[in-house]
Amino acid sequence: MSDPAFGENVTRLFDPAKNTHFAVSEDAKLELRDLFAAIEALGLIMDTPPDQDAAEITPSTVAPIFASFARHGQRVMDEMQVQFPGKRKSA
């Protein structure tokens, strides 16, 4: 068992036997990481230093991308199973 967390940075400790939580599969975790990386990449593309030319980005070109990200993220969230405290899956 790991040492308990302590200090100013700890807001709450997570105990799966006591806290309701979502179980995330490895595939879902990878999909979420890819989704967040894509959102981060868009942020970098859209963030242009002052007085520098940038890609011509309009709301009509970006809106479908964000709508697609939202649908993808919602699908991943819908597939996650809620795990209740003290309840374990039987093998």
N, C-alpha and C. Protein backbone atom coordinates (compact mmCIF):
# COMPACT_ATOMS: atom_id res chain seq x y z
N MET A 1 0.84 -1.16 0.00
CA MET A 1 0.00 0.00 0.00
C MET A 1 0.89 1.23 0.00
N SER A 2 0.47 2.30 -0.69
CA SER A 2 1.29 3.50 -0.76
C SER A 2 1.12 4.34 0.50
N ASP A 3 2.08 5.23 0.71
CA ASP A 3 1.99 6.14 1.85
C ASP A 3 0.83 7.09 1.65
N PRO A 4 0.16 7.48 2.73
CA PRO A 4 -0.95 8.42 2.58
C PRO A 4 -0.44 9.79 2.12
N ALA A 5 -1.24 10.47 1.31
CA ALA A 5 -0.87 11.80 0.85
C ALA A 5 -1.11 12.80 1.97
N PHE A 6 -0.33 13.86 1.98
CA PHE A 6 -0.49 14.88 3.01
C PHE A 6 0.03 16.21 2.47
N GLY A 7 -0.25 17.28 3.20
CA GLY A 7 0.26 18.59 2.84
C GLY A 7 -0.81 19.49 2.27
N GLU A 8 -0.37 20.70 1.86
CA GLU A 8 -1.29 21.72 1.34
C GLU A 8 -1.94 21.31 0.02
N ASN A 9 -1.25 20.51 -0.77
CA ASN A 9 -1.74 20.17 -2.10
C ASN A 9 -2.88 19.17 -2.09
N VAL A 10 -3.09 18.48 -1.00
CA VAL A 10 -4.11 17.44 -0.95
C VAL A 10 -5.45 18.07 -0.55
N THR A 11 -6.42 18.00 -1.47
CA THR A 11 -7.74 18.51 -1.15
C THR A 11 -8.62 17.41 -0.58
N ARG A 12 -8.47 16.20 -1.10
CA ARG A 12 -9.20 15.05 -0.59
C ARG A 12 -8.50 13.79 -1.06
N LEU A 13 -8.62 12.77 -0.30
CA LEU A 13 -8.04 11.49 -0.68
C LEU A 13 -9.12 10.65 -1.34
N PHE A 14 -8.75 9.91 -2.36
CA PHE A 14 -9.69 9.05 -3.06
C PHE A 14 -9.55 7.63 -2.56
N ASP A 15 -10.64 7.09 -2.10
CA ASP A 15 -10.67 5.70 -1.66
C ASP A 15 -11.78 5.01 -2.43
N PRO A 16 -11.44 4.13 -3.39
CA PRO A 16 -12.47 3.50 -4.21
C PRO A 16 -13.45 2.66 -3.41
N ALA A 17 -13.07 2.26 -2.21
CA ALA A 17 -13.99 1.48 -1.38
C ALA A 17 -15.01 2.38 -0.67
N LYS A 18 -14.76 3.69 -0.67
CA LYS A 18 -15.66 4.62 0.03
C LYS A 18 -16.28 5.67 -0.86
N ASN A 19 -15.70 5.93 -2.05
CA ASN A 19 -16.18 6.99 -2.92
C ASN A 19 -16.78 6.43 -4.20
N THR A 20 -17.95 6.93 -4.58
CA THR A 20 -18.53 6.57 -5.87
C THR A 20 -17.65 7.18 -6.96
N HIS A 21 -17.38 6.44 -8.01
CA HIS A 21 -16.50 6.91 -9.05
C HIS A 21 -16.82 6.21 -10.37
N PHE A 22 -16.22 6.71 -11.45
CA PHE A 22 -16.34 6.07 -12.75
C PHE A 22 -15.13 5.18 -12.98
N ALA A 23 -15.39 4.01 -13.54
CA ALA A 23 -14.31 3.12 -13.93
C ALA A 23 -13.99 3.42 -15.39
N VAL A 24 -12.73 3.75 -15.67
CA VAL A 24 -12.32 4.10 -17.03
C VAL A 24 -11.44 2.98 -17.58
N SER A 25 -11.83 2.47 -18.72
CA SER A 25 -11.02 1.42 -19.36
C SER A 25 -9.75 2.05 -19.94
N GLU A 26 -8.78 1.22 -20.23
CA GLU A 26 -7.54 1.72 -20.85
C GLU A 26 -7.84 2.36 -22.21
N ASP A 27 -8.76 1.74 -22.97
CA ASP A 27 -9.12 2.30 -24.28
C ASP A 27 -9.75 3.68 -24.13
N ALA A 28 -10.65 3.83 -23.15
CA ALA A 28 -11.30 5.12 -22.93
C ALA A 28 -10.28 6.16 -22.48
N LYS A 29 -9.35 5.76 -21.64
CA LYS A 29 -8.31 6.68 -21.18
C LYS A 29 -7.47 7.17 -22.36
N LEU A 30 -7.12 6.26 -23.27
CA LEU A 30 -6.35 6.64 -24.46
C LEU A 30 -7.17 7.58 -25.34
N GLU A 31 -8.45 7.28 -25.53
CA GLU A 31 -9.30 8.15 -26.34
C GLU A 31 -9.39 9.55 -25.73
N LEU A 32 -9.55 9.63 -24.41
CA LEU A 32 -9.62 10.93 -23.76
C LEU A 32 -8.30 11.69 -23.87
N ARG A 33 -7.19 10.99 -23.74
CA ARG A 33 -5.89 11.65 -23.91
C ARG A 33 -5.74 12.20 -25.33
N ASP A 34 -6.14 11.41 -26.33
CA ASP A 34 -6.09 11.88 -27.72
C ASP A 34 -7.00 13.09 -27.93
N LEU A 35 -8.19 13.03 -27.34
CA LEU A 35 -9.15 14.13 -27.46
C LEU A 35 -8.58 15.40 -26.85
N PHE A 36 -8.01 15.31 -25.66
CA PHE A 36 -7.44 16.48 -25.01
C PHE A 36 -6.22 17.00 -25.77
N ALA A 37 -5.43 16.11 -26.34
CA ALA A 37 -4.28 16.54 -27.15
C ALA A 37 -4.74 17.29 -28.39
N ALA A 38 -5.83 16.83 -29.01
CA ALA A 38 -6.36 17.52 -30.19
C ALA A 38 -6.88 18.90 -29.82
N ILE A 39 -7.56 19.00 -28.68
CA ILE A 39 -8.05 20.30 -28.23
C ILE A 39 -6.88 21.24 -27.93
N GLU A 40 -5.84 20.70 -27.30
CA GLU A 40 -4.66 21.51 -27.00
C GLU A 40 -3.99 21.99 -28.29
N ALA A 41 -3.91 21.12 -29.30
CA ALA A 41 -3.31 21.50 -30.57
C ALA A 41 -4.10 22.63 -31.23
N LEU A 42 -5.42 22.55 -31.18
CA LEU A 42 -6.24 23.64 -31.73
C LEU A 42 -5.98 24.94 -30.98
N GLY A 43 -5.85 24.85 -29.68
CA GLY A 43 -5.55 26.04 -28.89
C GLY A 43 -4.24 26.67 -29.30
N LEU A 44 -3.22 25.84 -29.55
CA LEU A 44 -1.93 26.37 -29.98
C LEU A 44 -2.00 27.01 -31.36
N ILE A 45 -2.77 26.41 -32.24
CA ILE A 45 -2.92 26.96 -33.59
C ILE A 45 -3.63 28.31 -33.54
N MET A 46 -4.64 28.41 -32.70
CA MET A 46 -5.45 29.63 -32.64
C MET A 46 -4.79 30.74 -31.83
N ASP A 47 -3.83 30.42 -31.00
CA ASP A 47 -3.17 31.42 -30.17
C ASP A 47 -1.98 31.99 -30.92
N THR A 48 -2.17 33.17 -31.49
CA THR A 48 -1.14 33.80 -32.31
C THR A 48 -0.57 35.02 -31.59
N PRO A 49 0.75 35.15 -31.55
CA PRO A 49 1.35 36.33 -30.93
C PRO A 49 0.89 37.61 -31.64
N PRO A 50 0.86 38.73 -30.93
CA PRO A 50 0.44 39.99 -31.55
C PRO A 50 1.30 40.34 -32.77
N ASP A 51 0.69 40.93 -33.76
CA ASP A 51 1.37 41.38 -34.99
C ASP A 51 1.99 40.25 -35.79
N GLN A 52 1.47 39.05 -35.64
CA GLN A 52 1.98 37.92 -36.42
C GLN A 52 0.83 37.33 -37.22
N ASP A 53 1.10 36.98 -38.48
CA ASP A 53 0.08 36.37 -39.31
C ASP A 53 -0.24 34.98 -38.80
N ALA A 54 -1.48 34.61 -38.92
CA ALA A 54 -1.92 33.29 -38.46
C ALA A 54 -2.82 32.67 -39.51
N ALA A 55 -3.13 31.43 -39.27
CA ALA A 55 -4.08 30.76 -40.15
C ALA A 55 -5.42 31.48 -40.06
N GLU A 56 -6.11 31.55 -41.17
CA GLU A 56 -7.40 32.22 -41.18
C GLU A 56 -8.44 31.27 -40.61
N ILE A 57 -8.84 31.52 -39.38
CA ILE A 57 -9.78 30.64 -38.69
C ILE A 57 -11.04 31.43 -38.38
N THR A 58 -12.15 30.90 -38.83
CA THR A 58 -13.44 31.54 -38.57
C THR A 58 -14.28 30.62 -37.71
N PRO A 59 -15.25 31.19 -37.01
CA PRO A 59 -16.12 30.33 -36.18
C PRO A 59 -16.77 29.21 -36.98
N SER A 60 -17.13 29.47 -38.22
CA SER A 60 -17.80 28.43 -39.01
C SER A 60 -16.87 27.26 -39.34
N THR A 61 -15.56 27.48 -39.35
CA THR A 61 -14.64 26.38 -39.62
C THR A 61 -14.27 25.62 -38.35
N VAL A 62 -14.34 26.29 -37.20
CA VAL A 62 -13.94 25.67 -35.94
C VAL A 62 -15.13 24.99 -35.24
N ALA A 63 -16.32 25.53 -35.41
CA ALA A 63 -17.50 25.00 -34.71
C ALA A 63 -17.71 23.50 -34.94
N PRO A 64 -17.61 22.99 -36.17
CA PRO A 64 -17.81 21.54 -36.36
C PRO A 64 -16.75 20.70 -35.64
N ILE A 65 -15.54 21.23 -35.53
CA ILE A 65 -14.48 20.50 -34.84
C ILE A 65 -14.83 20.34 -33.37
N PHE A 66 -15.22 21.45 -32.74
CA PHE A 66 -15.56 21.40 -31.32
C PHE A 66 -16.82 20.56 -31.08
N ALA A 67 -17.78 20.62 -31.99
CA ALA A 67 -18.99 19.80 -31.86
C ALA A 67 -18.62 18.32 -31.94
N SER A 68 -17.70 17.99 -32.83
CA SER A 68 -17.24 16.61 -32.95
C SER A 68 -16.52 16.16 -31.69
N PHE A 69 -15.65 17.03 -31.14
CA PHE A 69 -14.96 16.72 -29.88
C PHE A 69 -15.97 16.48 -28.77
N ALA A 70 -16.99 17.31 -28.70
CA ALA A 70 -18.00 17.18 -27.64
C ALA A 70 -18.75 15.86 -27.77
N ARG A 71 -19.15 15.50 -28.98
CA ARG A 71 -19.84 14.21 -29.18
C ARG A 71 -18.94 13.04 -28.82
N HIS A 72 -17.69 13.12 -29.20
CA HIS A 72 -16.74 12.05 -28.90
C HIS A 72 -16.55 11.91 -27.39
N GLY A 73 -16.33 13.02 -26.72
CA GLY A 73 -16.17 12.99 -25.26
C GLY A 73 -17.40 12.48 -24.56
N GLN A 74 -18.59 12.87 -25.03
CA GLN A 74 -19.83 12.40 -24.43
C GLN A 74 -19.99 10.89 -24.60
N ARG A 75 -19.60 10.38 -25.78
CA ARG A 75 -19.69 8.94 -26.01
C ARG A 75 -18.77 8.19 -25.06
N VAL A 76 -17.56 8.68 -24.88
CA VAL A 76 -16.62 8.04 -23.95
C VAL A 76 -17.19 8.06 -22.54
N MET A 77 -17.73 9.21 -22.12
CA MET A 77 -18.32 9.31 -20.78
C MET A 77 -19.50 8.36 -20.61
N ASP A 78 -20.33 8.23 -21.64
CA ASP A 78 -21.50 7.36 -21.56
C ASP A 78 -21.11 5.89 -21.41
N GLU A 79 -19.95 5.52 -21.92
CA GLU A 79 -19.49 4.13 -21.83
C GLU A 79 -18.86 3.79 -20.48
N MET A 80 -18.53 4.81 -19.70
CA MET A 80 -17.92 4.56 -18.39
C MET A 80 -18.96 4.00 -17.43
N GLN A 81 -18.54 3.06 -16.62
CA GLN A 81 -19.45 2.46 -15.65
C GLN A 81 -19.25 3.09 -14.29
N VAL A 82 -20.36 3.37 -13.63
CA VAL A 82 -20.29 3.92 -12.28
C VAL A 82 -19.95 2.79 -11.33
N GLN A 83 -19.00 3.04 -10.46
CA GLN A 83 -18.60 2.08 -9.44
C GLN A 83 -19.03 2.64 -8.09
N PHE A 84 -19.82 1.90 -7.36
CA PHE A 84 -20.29 2.35 -6.06
C PHE A 84 -19.39 1.83 -4.96
N PRO A 85 -19.27 2.58 -3.87
CA PRO A 85 -18.39 2.17 -2.77
C PRO A 85 -18.73 0.76 -2.28
N GLY A 86 -17.70 -0.01 -2.04
CA GLY A 86 -17.87 -1.34 -1.46
C GLY A 86 -18.41 -2.39 -2.42
N LYS A 87 -18.71 -2.01 -3.64
CA LYS A 87 -19.23 -2.98 -4.64
C LYS A 87 -18.12 -3.29 -5.61
N ARG A 88 -17.81 -4.54 -5.74
CA ARG A 88 -16.77 -4.98 -6.67
C ARG A 88 -17.39 -5.86 -7.74
N LYS A 89 -16.82 -5.80 -8.93
CA LYS A 89 -17.28 -6.68 -10.01
C LYS A 89 -16.86 -8.10 -9.69
N SER A 90 -17.74 -9.02 -9.94
CA SER A 90 -17.35 -10.42 -9.75
C SER A 90 -16.64 -10.91 -10.99
N ALA A 91 -15.67 -11.75 -10.80
CA ALA A 91 -14.86 -12.20 -11.94
C ALA A 91 -15.54 -13.25 -12.76
